[in-house]
Amino acid sequence: MTSPTPNPPQLRIGSADRDAAVERLQLAYAEERITQDELDQRVHAALTATVRAELDAVLHDLPAGAPDAAVTLTAVNGRLVRRGPWRVPRVLKVASAFGKVHLDLGDAVIDHPVVDIELGLGFGRATITVPHGATVDLDGLRNAWKTVRYRPPRTPAATPGPTIRITGTPGFGRLKVRHARR
Protein backbone atom coordinates (compact mmCIF):
# COMPACT_ATOMS: atom_id res chain seq x y z
CA MET A 1 0.00 0.00 0.00
CA THR A 2 1.45 3.33 -1.01
CA SER A 3 1.15 6.38 1.13
CA PRO A 4 -0.23 9.53 -0.48
CA THR A 5 2.40 11.94 -1.65
CA PRO A 6 2.56 15.14 0.34
CA ASN A 7 1.72 18.42 -1.34
CA PRO A 8 4.72 19.71 -3.28
CA PRO A 9 6.49 22.60 -1.61
CA GLN A 10 5.50 26.07 -2.79
CA LEU A 11 7.89 27.58 -5.29
CA ARG A 12 9.53 30.72 -3.96
CA ILE A 13 9.62 33.78 -6.17
CA GLY A 14 12.14 36.57 -6.62
CA SER A 15 12.01 40.28 -7.30
CA ALA A 16 11.97 39.73 -11.08
CA ASP A 17 8.75 37.70 -10.73
CA ARG A 18 7.17 40.42 -8.58
CA ASP A 19 8.24 43.15 -11.03
CA ALA A 20 6.75 41.24 -13.97
CA ALA A 21 3.48 40.85 -12.06
CA VAL A 22 3.37 44.59 -11.32
CA GLU A 23 3.91 45.32 -15.03
CA ARG A 24 0.99 43.05 -15.93
CA LEU A 25 -1.19 44.80 -13.35
CA GLN A 26 -0.27 48.24 -14.67
CA LEU A 27 -0.98 47.10 -18.21
CA ALA A 28 -4.39 45.80 -17.07
CA TYR A 29 -5.07 49.20 -15.49
CA ALA A 30 -4.03 51.01 -18.69
CA GLU A 31 -6.42 48.76 -20.62
CA GLU A 32 -9.16 49.58 -18.06
CA ARG A 33 -9.48 45.94 -16.99
CA ILE A 34 -9.09 46.88 -13.32
CA THR A 35 -9.80 50.04 -11.33
CA GLN A 36 -7.30 52.23 -9.49
CA ASP A 37 -8.31 50.68 -6.15
CA GLU A 38 -7.86 47.16 -7.54
CA LEU A 39 -4.49 48.17 -8.94
CA ASP A 40 -3.34 49.48 -5.55
CA GLN A 41 -4.52 46.35 -3.69
CA ARG A 42 -3.08 43.93 -6.22
CA VAL A 43 0.26 45.72 -6.50
CA HIS A 44 0.62 45.58 -2.72
CA ALA A 45 -0.23 41.87 -2.74
CA ALA A 46 2.22 41.21 -5.60
CA LEU A 47 5.05 43.08 -3.91
CA THR A 48 4.55 41.19 -0.64
CA ALA A 49 4.12 37.74 -2.25
CA THR A 50 6.76 35.15 -1.39
CA VAL A 51 5.53 32.06 -3.27
CA ARG A 52 4.19 31.46 -6.78
CA ALA A 53 0.66 30.63 -5.54
CA GLU A 54 0.29 34.07 -3.92
CA LEU A 55 1.40 35.76 -7.13
CA ASP A 56 -0.90 33.61 -9.28
CA ALA A 57 -3.85 34.60 -7.07
CA VAL A 58 -3.22 38.27 -7.90
CA LEU A 59 -3.05 37.63 -11.66
CA HIS A 60 -5.57 34.78 -12.07
CA ASP A 61 -8.23 36.77 -13.98
CA LEU A 62 -5.92 38.84 -16.20
CA PRO A 63 -4.69 37.96 -19.68
CA ALA A 64 -1.01 37.33 -20.12
CA GLY A 65 0.34 40.48 -21.73
CA ALA A 66 3.31 40.74 -24.00
CA PRO A 67 5.65 43.47 -22.72
CA ASP A 68 5.85 45.23 -26.09
CA ALA A 69 2.21 44.78 -27.08
CA ALA A 70 0.29 47.87 -28.08
CA VAL A 71 -2.31 49.09 -25.63
CA THR A 72 -5.49 50.63 -27.03
CA LEU A 73 -7.52 53.18 -25.09
CA THR A 74 -10.92 54.10 -26.56
CA ALA A 75 -13.75 56.44 -25.67
CA VAL A 76 -16.86 57.14 -27.72
CA ASN A 77 -17.85 60.16 -25.67
CA GLY A 78 -17.02 61.34 -22.20
CA ARG A 79 -13.49 61.56 -20.85
CA LEU A 80 -10.47 59.35 -21.18
CA VAL A 81 -7.93 60.27 -18.50
CA ARG A 82 -4.61 58.74 -17.49
CA ARG A 83 -2.53 60.53 -14.88
CA GLY A 84 -0.32 59.81 -11.92
CA PRO A 85 2.21 56.98 -11.70
CA TRP A 86 0.90 54.72 -14.45
CA ARG A 87 3.18 52.59 -16.63
CA VAL A 88 3.26 53.78 -20.23
CA PRO A 89 3.49 51.00 -22.81
CA ARG A 90 5.86 51.20 -25.76
CA VAL A 91 2.95 51.72 -28.19
CA LEU A 92 -0.23 53.44 -27.03
CA LYS A 93 -3.21 53.72 -29.39
CA VAL A 94 -5.78 56.32 -28.39
CA ALA A 95 -9.16 56.62 -30.13
CA SER A 96 -11.95 59.01 -29.19
CA ALA A 97 -14.97 59.86 -31.33
CA PHE A 98 -16.46 62.80 -29.41
CA GLY A 99 -14.84 62.77 -25.99
CA LYS A 100 -11.94 64.52 -24.31
CA VAL A 101 -8.61 62.77 -23.88
CA HIS A 102 -6.06 63.75 -21.26
CA LEU A 103 -2.83 61.77 -21.07
CA ASP A 104 -0.46 63.00 -18.38
CA LEU A 105 2.96 61.37 -18.74
CA GLY A 106 4.59 63.77 -16.28
CA ASP A 107 4.54 61.32 -13.34
CA ALA A 108 4.18 58.17 -15.42
CA VAL A 109 6.66 55.31 -15.45
CA ILE A 110 8.27 55.22 -18.88
CA ASP A 111 10.61 52.26 -19.43
CA HIS A 112 11.26 52.83 -23.12
CA PRO A 113 13.48 55.43 -24.80
CA VAL A 114 10.75 56.00 -27.44
CA VAL A 115 7.00 55.92 -26.84
CA ASP A 116 4.69 55.88 -29.85
CA ILE A 117 1.23 57.39 -29.36
CA GLU A 118 -1.11 56.67 -32.27
CA LEU A 119 -3.91 59.21 -32.01
CA GLY A 120 -7.31 58.94 -33.65
CA LEU A 121 -9.69 61.77 -32.74
CA GLY A 122 -13.06 62.41 -34.29
CA PHE A 123 -14.52 65.64 -32.97
CA GLY A 124 -13.07 65.64 -29.45
CA ARG A 125 -9.95 67.22 -28.10
CA ALA A 126 -6.80 65.80 -26.60
CA THR A 127 -4.20 67.15 -24.20
CA ILE A 128 -0.95 65.24 -23.83
CA THR A 129 1.43 66.30 -21.08
CA VAL A 130 4.93 64.91 -21.62
CA PRO A 131 7.78 64.74 -19.07
CA HIS A 132 9.88 67.88 -18.71
CA GLY A 133 12.96 66.55 -20.51
CA ALA A 134 11.08 64.65 -23.22
CA THR A 135 11.54 65.23 -26.92
CA VAL A 136 8.28 65.50 -28.88
CA ASP A 137 8.11 64.25 -32.48
CA LEU A 138 4.97 65.35 -34.37
CA ASP A 139 6.19 64.53 -37.89
CA GLY A 140 3.79 61.60 -38.32
CA LEU A 141 0.70 63.60 -37.38
CA ARG A 142 -1.79 64.33 -40.18
CA ASN A 143 -3.83 67.46 -39.49
CA ALA A 144 -7.28 67.55 -40.96
CA TRP A 145 -8.86 70.61 -39.40
CA LYS A 146 -7.17 72.49 -36.56
CA THR A 147 -3.50 73.09 -35.93
CA VAL A 148 -1.66 71.31 -33.17
CA ARG A 149 -0.80 73.49 -30.21
CA TYR A 150 2.75 72.75 -29.07
CA ARG A 151 5.47 74.98 -27.72
CA PRO A 152 8.83 73.36 -26.93
CA PRO A 153 10.47 74.37 -23.65
CA ARG A 154 12.70 77.43 -23.81
CA THR A 155 15.51 75.87 -21.85
CA PRO A 156 16.66 72.29 -22.34
CA ALA A 157 16.31 69.92 -19.41
CA ALA A 158 19.38 68.97 -17.43
CA THR A 159 18.66 65.28 -18.06
CA PRO A 160 17.10 64.33 -21.38
CA GLY A 161 13.96 62.24 -21.25
CA PRO A 162 12.28 59.84 -23.64
CA THR A 163 11.13 60.67 -27.15
CA ILE A 164 7.35 60.87 -27.43
CA ARG A 165 6.38 60.24 -31.06
CA ILE A 166 2.77 61.24 -31.80
CA THR A 167 1.24 59.98 -35.03
CA GLY A 168 -2.27 59.60 -36.41
CA THR A 169 -5.08 61.98 -37.23
CA PRO A 170 -6.69 64.51 -34.88
CA GLY A 171 -9.71 64.67 -37.25
CA PHE A 172 -11.87 67.68 -36.44
CA GLY A 173 -10.56 67.74 -32.87
CA ARG A 174 -7.83 69.79 -31.30
CA LEU A 175 -4.54 68.49 -29.97
CA LYS A 176 -2.52 70.30 -27.35
CA VAL A 177 0.90 68.99 -26.32
CA ARG A 178 2.69 70.50 -23.36
CA HIS A 179 5.62 69.72 -21.09
CA ALA A 180 5.17 68.96 -17.40
CA ARG A 181 6.49 71.48 -14.95
CA ARG A 182 9.72 70.63 -13.24
C-alpha atoms as a PDB file:
ATOM      1  CA  MET A   1       0.000   0.000   0.000  1.00  0.00           C
ATOM      2  CA  THR A   2       1.452   3.333  -1.007  1.00  0.00           C
ATOM      3  CA  SER A   3       1.147   6.383   1.131  1.00  0.00           C
ATOM      4  CA  PRO A   4      -0.233   9.535  -0.482  1.00  0.00           C
ATOM      5  CA  THR A   5       2.396  11.938  -1.653  1.00  0.00           C
ATOM      6  CA  PRO A   6       2.557  15.140   0.336  1.00  0.00           C
ATOM      7  CA  ASN A   7       1.725  18.422  -1.336  1.00  0.00           C
ATOM      8  CA  PRO A   8       4.717  19.707  -3.280  1.00  0.00           C
ATOM      9  CA  PRO A   9       6.492  22.603  -1.610  1.00  0.00           C
ATOM     10  CA  GLN A  10       5.502  26.070  -2.795  1.00  0.00           C
ATOM     11  CA  LEU A  11       7.894  27.579  -5.294  1.00  0.00           C
ATOM     12  CA  ARG A  12       9.533  30.717  -3.957  1.00  0.00           C
ATOM     13  CA  ILE A  13       9.624  33.784  -6.173  1.00  0.00           C
ATOM     14  CA  GLY A  14      12.145  36.572  -6.617  1.00  0.00           C
ATOM     15  CA  SER A  15      12.013  40.278  -7.301  1.00  0.00           C
ATOM     16  CA  ALA A  16      11.968  39.732 -11.081  1.00  0.00           C
ATOM     17  CA  ASP A  17       8.750  37.701 -10.730  1.00  0.00           C
ATOM     18  CA  ARG A  18       7.169  40.415  -8.576  1.00  0.00           C
ATOM     19  CA  ASP A  19       8.243  43.152 -11.030  1.00  0.00           C
ATOM     20  CA  ALA A  20       6.749  41.238 -13.973  1.00  0.00           C
ATOM     21  CA  ALA A  21       3.484  40.852 -12.058  1.00  0.00           C
ATOM     22  CA  VAL A  22       3.368  44.589 -11.323  1.00  0.00           C
ATOM     23  CA  GLU A  23       3.908  45.320 -15.026  1.00  0.00           C
ATOM     24  CA  ARG A  24       0.987  43.052 -15.935  1.00  0.00           C
ATOM     25  CA  LEU A  25      -1.193  44.801 -13.355  1.00  0.00           C
ATOM     26  CA  GLN A  26      -0.270  48.241 -14.671  1.00  0.00           C
ATOM     27  CA  LEU A  27      -0.984  47.104 -18.208  1.00  0.00           C
ATOM     28  CA  ALA A  28      -4.386  45.797 -17.070  1.00  0.00           C
ATOM     29  CA  TYR A  29      -5.074  49.197 -15.492  1.00  0.00           C
ATOM     30  CA  ALA A  30      -4.032  51.012 -18.689  1.00  0.00           C
ATOM     31  CA  GLU A  31      -6.423  48.762 -20.617  1.00  0.00           C
ATOM     32  CA  GLU A  32      -9.164  49.577 -18.064  1.00  0.00           C
ATOM     33  CA  ARG A  33      -9.482  45.938 -16.991  1.00  0.00           C
ATOM     34  CA  ILE A  34      -9.093  46.879 -13.321  1.00  0.00           C
ATOM     35  CA  THR A  35      -9.803  50.038 -11.333  1.00  0.00           C
ATOM     36  CA  GLN A  36      -7.302  52.231  -9.493  1.00  0.00           C
ATOM     37  CA  ASP A  37      -8.310  50.675  -6.151  1.00  0.00           C
ATOM     38  CA  GLU A  38      -7.859  47.164  -7.539  1.00  0.00           C
ATOM     39  CA  LEU A  39      -4.491  48.175  -8.938  1.00  0.00           C
ATOM     40  CA  ASP A  40      -3.341  49.479  -5.550  1.00  0.00           C
ATOM     41  CA  GLN A  41      -4.517  46.353  -3.695  1.00  0.00           C
ATOM     42  CA  ARG A  42      -3.080  43.927  -6.225  1.00  0.00           C
ATOM     43  CA  VAL A  43       0.265  45.723  -6.505  1.00  0.00           C
ATOM     44  CA  HIS A  44       0.619  45.580  -2.717  1.00  0.00           C
ATOM     45  CA  ALA A  45      -0.230  41.865  -2.737  1.00  0.00           C
ATOM     46  CA  ALA A  46       2.219  41.211  -5.601  1.00  0.00           C
ATOM     47  CA  LEU A  47       5.050  43.084  -3.910  1.00  0.00           C
ATOM     48  CA  THR A  48       4.553  41.190  -0.641  1.00  0.00           C
ATOM     49  CA  ALA A  49       4.118  37.745  -2.246  1.00  0.00           C
ATOM     50  CA  THR A  50       6.763  35.150  -1.386  1.00  0.00           C
ATOM     51  CA  VAL A  51       5.535  32.065  -3.270  1.00  0.00           C
ATOM     52  CA  ARG A  52       4.191  31.464  -6.781  1.00  0.00           C
ATOM     53  CA  ALA A  53       0.661  30.627  -5.543  1.00  0.00           C
ATOM     54  CA  GLU A  54       0.289  34.066  -3.922  1.00  0.00           C
ATOM     55  CA  LEU A  55       1.401  35.758  -7.131  1.00  0.00           C
ATOM     56  CA  ASP A  56      -0.897  33.608  -9.280  1.00  0.00           C
ATOM     57  CA  ALA A  57      -3.854  34.602  -7.074  1.00  0.00           C
ATOM     58  CA  VAL A  58      -3.216  38.274  -7.901  1.00  0.00           C
ATOM     59  CA  LEU A  59      -3.052  37.634 -11.662  1.00  0.00           C
ATOM     60  CA  HIS A  60      -5.572  34.782 -12.074  1.00  0.00           C
ATOM     61  CA  ASP A  61      -8.232  36.771 -13.985  1.00  0.00           C
ATOM     62  CA  LEU A  62      -5.915  38.844 -16.195  1.00  0.00           C
ATOM     63  CA  PRO A  63      -4.693  37.959 -19.676  1.00  0.00           C
ATOM     64  CA  ALA A  64      -1.011  37.335 -20.125  1.00  0.00           C
ATOM     65  CA  GLY A  65       0.343  40.481 -21.728  1.00  0.00           C
ATOM     66  CA  ALA A  66       3.306  40.740 -23.999  1.00  0.00           C
ATOM     67  CA  PRO A  67       5.651  43.472 -22.722  1.00  0.00           C
ATOM     68  CA  ASP A  68       5.848  45.227 -26.093  1.00  0.00           C
ATOM     69  CA  ALA A  69       2.207  44.781 -27.077  1.00  0.00           C
ATOM     70  CA  ALA A  70       0.290  47.869 -28.085  1.00  0.00           C
ATOM     71  CA  VAL A  71      -2.312  49.088 -25.631  1.00  0.00           C
ATOM     72  CA  THR A  72      -5.494  50.627 -27.028  1.00  0.00           C
ATOM     73  CA  LEU A  73      -7.524  53.178 -25.091  1.00  0.00           C
ATOM     74  CA  THR A  74     -10.917  54.104 -26.560  1.00  0.00           C
ATOM     75  CA  ALA A  75     -13.746  56.440 -25.674  1.00  0.00           C
ATOM     76  CA  VAL A  76     -16.860  57.135 -27.723  1.00  0.00           C
ATOM     77  CA  ASN A  77     -17.852  60.160 -25.671  1.00  0.00           C
ATOM     78  CA  GLY A  78     -17.021  61.340 -22.201  1.00  0.00           C
ATOM     79  CA  ARG A  79     -13.485  61.561 -20.851  1.00  0.00           C
ATOM     80  CA  LEU A  80     -10.468  59.352 -21.178  1.00  0.00           C
ATOM     81  CA  VAL A  81      -7.931  60.268 -18.495  1.00  0.00           C
ATOM     82  CA  ARG A  82      -4.610  58.741 -17.487  1.00  0.00           C
ATOM     83  CA  ARG A  83      -2.529  60.528 -14.877  1.00  0.00           C
ATOM     84  CA  GLY A  84      -0.323  59.810 -11.925  1.00  0.00           C
ATOM     85  CA  PRO A  85       2.215  56.980 -11.695  1.00  0.00           C
ATOM     86  CA  TRP A  86       0.897  54.720 -14.453  1.00  0.00           C
ATOM     87  CA  ARG A  87       3.182  52.590 -16.627  1.00  0.00           C
ATOM     88  CA  VAL A  88       3.257  53.784 -20.227  1.00  0.00           C
ATOM     89  CA  PRO A  89       3.491  50.996 -22.814  1.00  0.00           C
ATOM     90  CA  ARG A  90       5.863  51.195 -25.764  1.00  0.00           C
ATOM     91  CA  VAL A  91       2.948  51.721 -28.186  1.00  0.00           C
ATOM     92  CA  LEU A  92      -0.227  53.441 -27.035  1.00  0.00           C
ATOM     93  CA  LYS A  93      -3.205  53.721 -29.387  1.00  0.00           C
ATOM     94  CA  VAL A  94      -5.778  56.319 -28.388  1.00  0.00           C
ATOM     95  CA  ALA A  95      -9.156  56.623 -30.129  1.00  0.00           C
ATOM     96  CA  SER A  96     -11.948  59.014 -29.191  1.00  0.00           C
ATOM     97  CA  ALA A  97     -14.967  59.856 -31.328  1.00  0.00           C
ATOM     98  CA  PHE A  98     -16.460  62.796 -29.409  1.00  0.00           C
ATOM     99  CA  GLY A  99     -14.837  62.767 -25.990  1.00  0.00           C
ATOM    100  CA  LYS A 100     -11.936  64.516 -24.312  1.00  0.00           C
ATOM    101  CA  VAL A 101      -8.615  62.766 -23.884  1.00  0.00           C
ATOM    102  CA  HIS A 102      -6.056  63.751 -21.260  1.00  0.00           C
ATOM    103  CA  LEU A 103      -2.828  61.767 -21.071  1.00  0.00           C
ATOM    104  CA  ASP A 104      -0.461  62.998 -18.384  1.00  0.00           C
ATOM    105  CA  LEU A 105       2.956  61.366 -18.738  1.00  0.00           C
ATOM    106  CA  GLY A 106       4.589  63.768 -16.277  1.00  0.00           C
ATOM    107  CA  ASP A 107       4.542  61.318 -13.339  1.00  0.00           C
ATOM    108  CA  ALA A 108       4.180  58.166 -15.418  1.00  0.00           C
ATOM    109  CA  VAL A 109       6.663  55.309 -15.450  1.00  0.00           C
ATOM    110  CA  ILE A 110       8.274  55.221 -18.885  1.00  0.00           C
ATOM    111  CA  ASP A 111      10.608  52.261 -19.432  1.00  0.00           C
ATOM    112  CA  HIS A 112      11.260  52.827 -23.123  1.00  0.00           C
ATOM    113  CA  PRO A 113      13.479  55.433 -24.803  1.00  0.00           C
ATOM    114  CA  VAL A 114      10.751  55.998 -27.438  1.00  0.00           C
ATOM    115  CA  VAL A 115       6.998  55.917 -26.841  1.00  0.00           C
ATOM    116  CA  ASP A 116       4.686  55.879 -29.855  1.00  0.00           C
ATOM    117  CA  ILE A 117       1.227  57.387 -29.361  1.00  0.00           C
ATOM    118  CA  GLU A 118      -1.113  56.673 -32.266  1.00  0.00           C
ATOM    119  CA  LEU A 119      -3.908  59.207 -32.014  1.00  0.00           C
ATOM    120  CA  GLY A 120      -7.314  58.944 -33.649  1.00  0.00           C
ATOM    121  CA  LEU A 121      -9.694  61.766 -32.742  1.00  0.00           C
ATOM    122  CA  GLY A 122     -13.061  62.408 -34.291  1.00  0.00           C
ATOM    123  CA  PHE A 123     -14.518  65.639 -32.965  1.00  0.00           C
ATOM    124  CA  GLY A 124     -13.075  65.639 -29.452  1.00  0.00           C
ATOM    125  CA  ARG A 125      -9.952  67.219 -28.099  1.00  0.00           C
ATOM    126  CA  ALA A 126      -6.799  65.800 -26.596  1.00  0.00           C
ATOM    127  CA  THR A 127      -4.204  67.146 -24.201  1.00  0.00           C
ATOM    128  CA  ILE A 128      -0.952  65.238 -23.829  1.00  0.00           C
ATOM    129  CA  THR A 129       1.433  66.295 -21.078  1.00  0.00           C
ATOM    130  CA  VAL A 130       4.930  64.911 -21.617  1.00  0.00           C
ATOM    131  CA  PRO A 131       7.779  64.740 -19.066  1.00  0.00           C
ATOM    132  CA  HIS A 132       9.878  67.878 -18.706  1.00  0.00           C
ATOM    133  CA  GLY A 133      12.958  66.550 -20.513  1.00  0.00           C
ATOM    134  CA  ALA A 134      11.083  64.649 -23.224  1.00  0.00           C
ATOM    135  CA  THR A 135      11.535  65.235 -26.924  1.00  0.00           C
ATOM    136  CA  VAL A 136       8.284  65.499 -28.883  1.00  0.00           C
ATOM    137  CA  ASP A 137       8.111  64.250 -32.480  1.00  0.00           C
ATOM    138  CA  LEU A 138       4.969  65.348 -34.365  1.00  0.00           C
ATOM    139  CA  ASP A 139       6.193  64.528 -37.888  1.00  0.00           C
ATOM    140  CA  GLY A 140       3.786  61.595 -38.324  1.00  0.00           C
ATOM    141  CA  LEU A 141       0.696  63.601 -37.384  1.00  0.00           C
ATOM    142  CA  ARG A 142      -1.794  64.332 -40.175  1.00  0.00           C
ATOM    143  CA  ASN A 143      -3.832  67.460 -39.492  1.00  0.00           C
ATOM    144  CA  ALA A 144      -7.283  67.549 -40.965  1.00  0.00           C
ATOM    145  CA  TRP A 145      -8.855  70.612 -39.399  1.00  0.00           C
ATOM    146  CA  LYS A 146      -7.166  72.489 -36.558  1.00  0.00           C
ATOM    147  CA  THR A 147      -3.498  73.087 -35.935  1.00  0.00           C
ATOM    148  CA  VAL A 148      -1.662  71.307 -33.171  1.00  0.00           C
ATOM    149  CA  ARG A 149      -0.799  73.489 -30.211  1.00  0.00           C
ATOM    150  CA  TYR A 150       2.748  72.753 -29.070  1.00  0.00           C
ATOM    151  CA  ARG A 151       5.467  74.984 -27.721  1.00  0.00           C
ATOM    152  CA  PRO A 152       8.825  73.363 -26.930  1.00  0.00           C
ATOM    153  CA  PRO A 153      10.470  74.371 -23.654  1.00  0.00           C
ATOM    154  CA  ARG A 154      12.703  77.433 -23.815  1.00  0.00           C
ATOM    155  CA  THR A 155      15.511  75.867 -21.852  1.00  0.00           C
ATOM    156  CA  PRO A 156      16.658  72.295 -22.340  1.00  0.00           C
ATOM    157  CA  ALA A 157      16.306  69.917 -19.414  1.00  0.00           C
ATOM    158  CA  ALA A 158      19.383  68.965 -17.425  1.00  0.00           C
ATOM    159  CA  THR A 159      18.658  65.284 -18.059  1.00  0.00           C
ATOM    160  CA  PRO A 160      17.096  64.327 -21.375  1.00  0.00           C
ATOM    161  CA  GLY A 161      13.957  62.240 -21.247  1.00  0.00           C
ATOM    162  CA  PRO A 162      12.281  59.842 -23.645  1.00  0.00           C
ATOM    163  CA  THR A 163      11.131  60.670 -27.149  1.00  0.00           C
ATOM    164  CA  ILE A 164       7.350  60.869 -27.433  1.00  0.00           C
ATOM    165  CA  ARG A 165       6.383  60.237 -31.058  1.00  0.00           C
ATOM    166  CA  ILE A 166       2.772  61.236 -31.801  1.00  0.00           C
ATOM    167  CA  THR A 167       1.239  59.978 -35.032  1.00  0.00           C
ATOM    168  CA  GLY A 168      -2.266  59.603 -36.412  1.00  0.00           C
ATOM    169  CA  THR A 169      -5.082  61.978 -37.230  1.00  0.00           C
ATOM    170  CA  PRO A 170      -6.692  64.512 -34.884  1.00  0.00           C
ATOM    171  CA  GLY A 171      -9.706  64.670 -37.252  1.00  0.00           C
ATOM    172  CA  PHE A 172     -11.865  67.680 -36.437  1.00  0.00           C
ATOM    173  CA  GLY A 173     -10.564  67.737 -32.869  1.00  0.00           C
ATOM    174  CA  ARG A 174      -7.826  69.793 -31.301  1.00  0.00           C
ATOM    175  CA  LEU A 175      -4.535  68.486 -29.966  1.00  0.00           C
ATOM    176  CA  LYS A 176      -2.516  70.305 -27.348  1.00  0.00           C
ATOM    177  CA  VAL A 177       0.899  68.986 -26.321  1.00  0.00           C
ATOM    178  CA  ARG A 178       2.695  70.503 -23.356  1.00  0.00           C
ATOM    179  CA  HIS A 179       5.621  69.724 -21.089  1.00  0.00           C
ATOM    180  CA  ALA A 180       5.170  68.964 -17.400  1.00  0.00           C
ATOM    181  CA  ARG A 181       6.489  71.479 -14.953  1.00  0.00           C
ATOM    182  CA  ARG A 182       9.720  70.631 -13.243  1.00  0.00           C
END
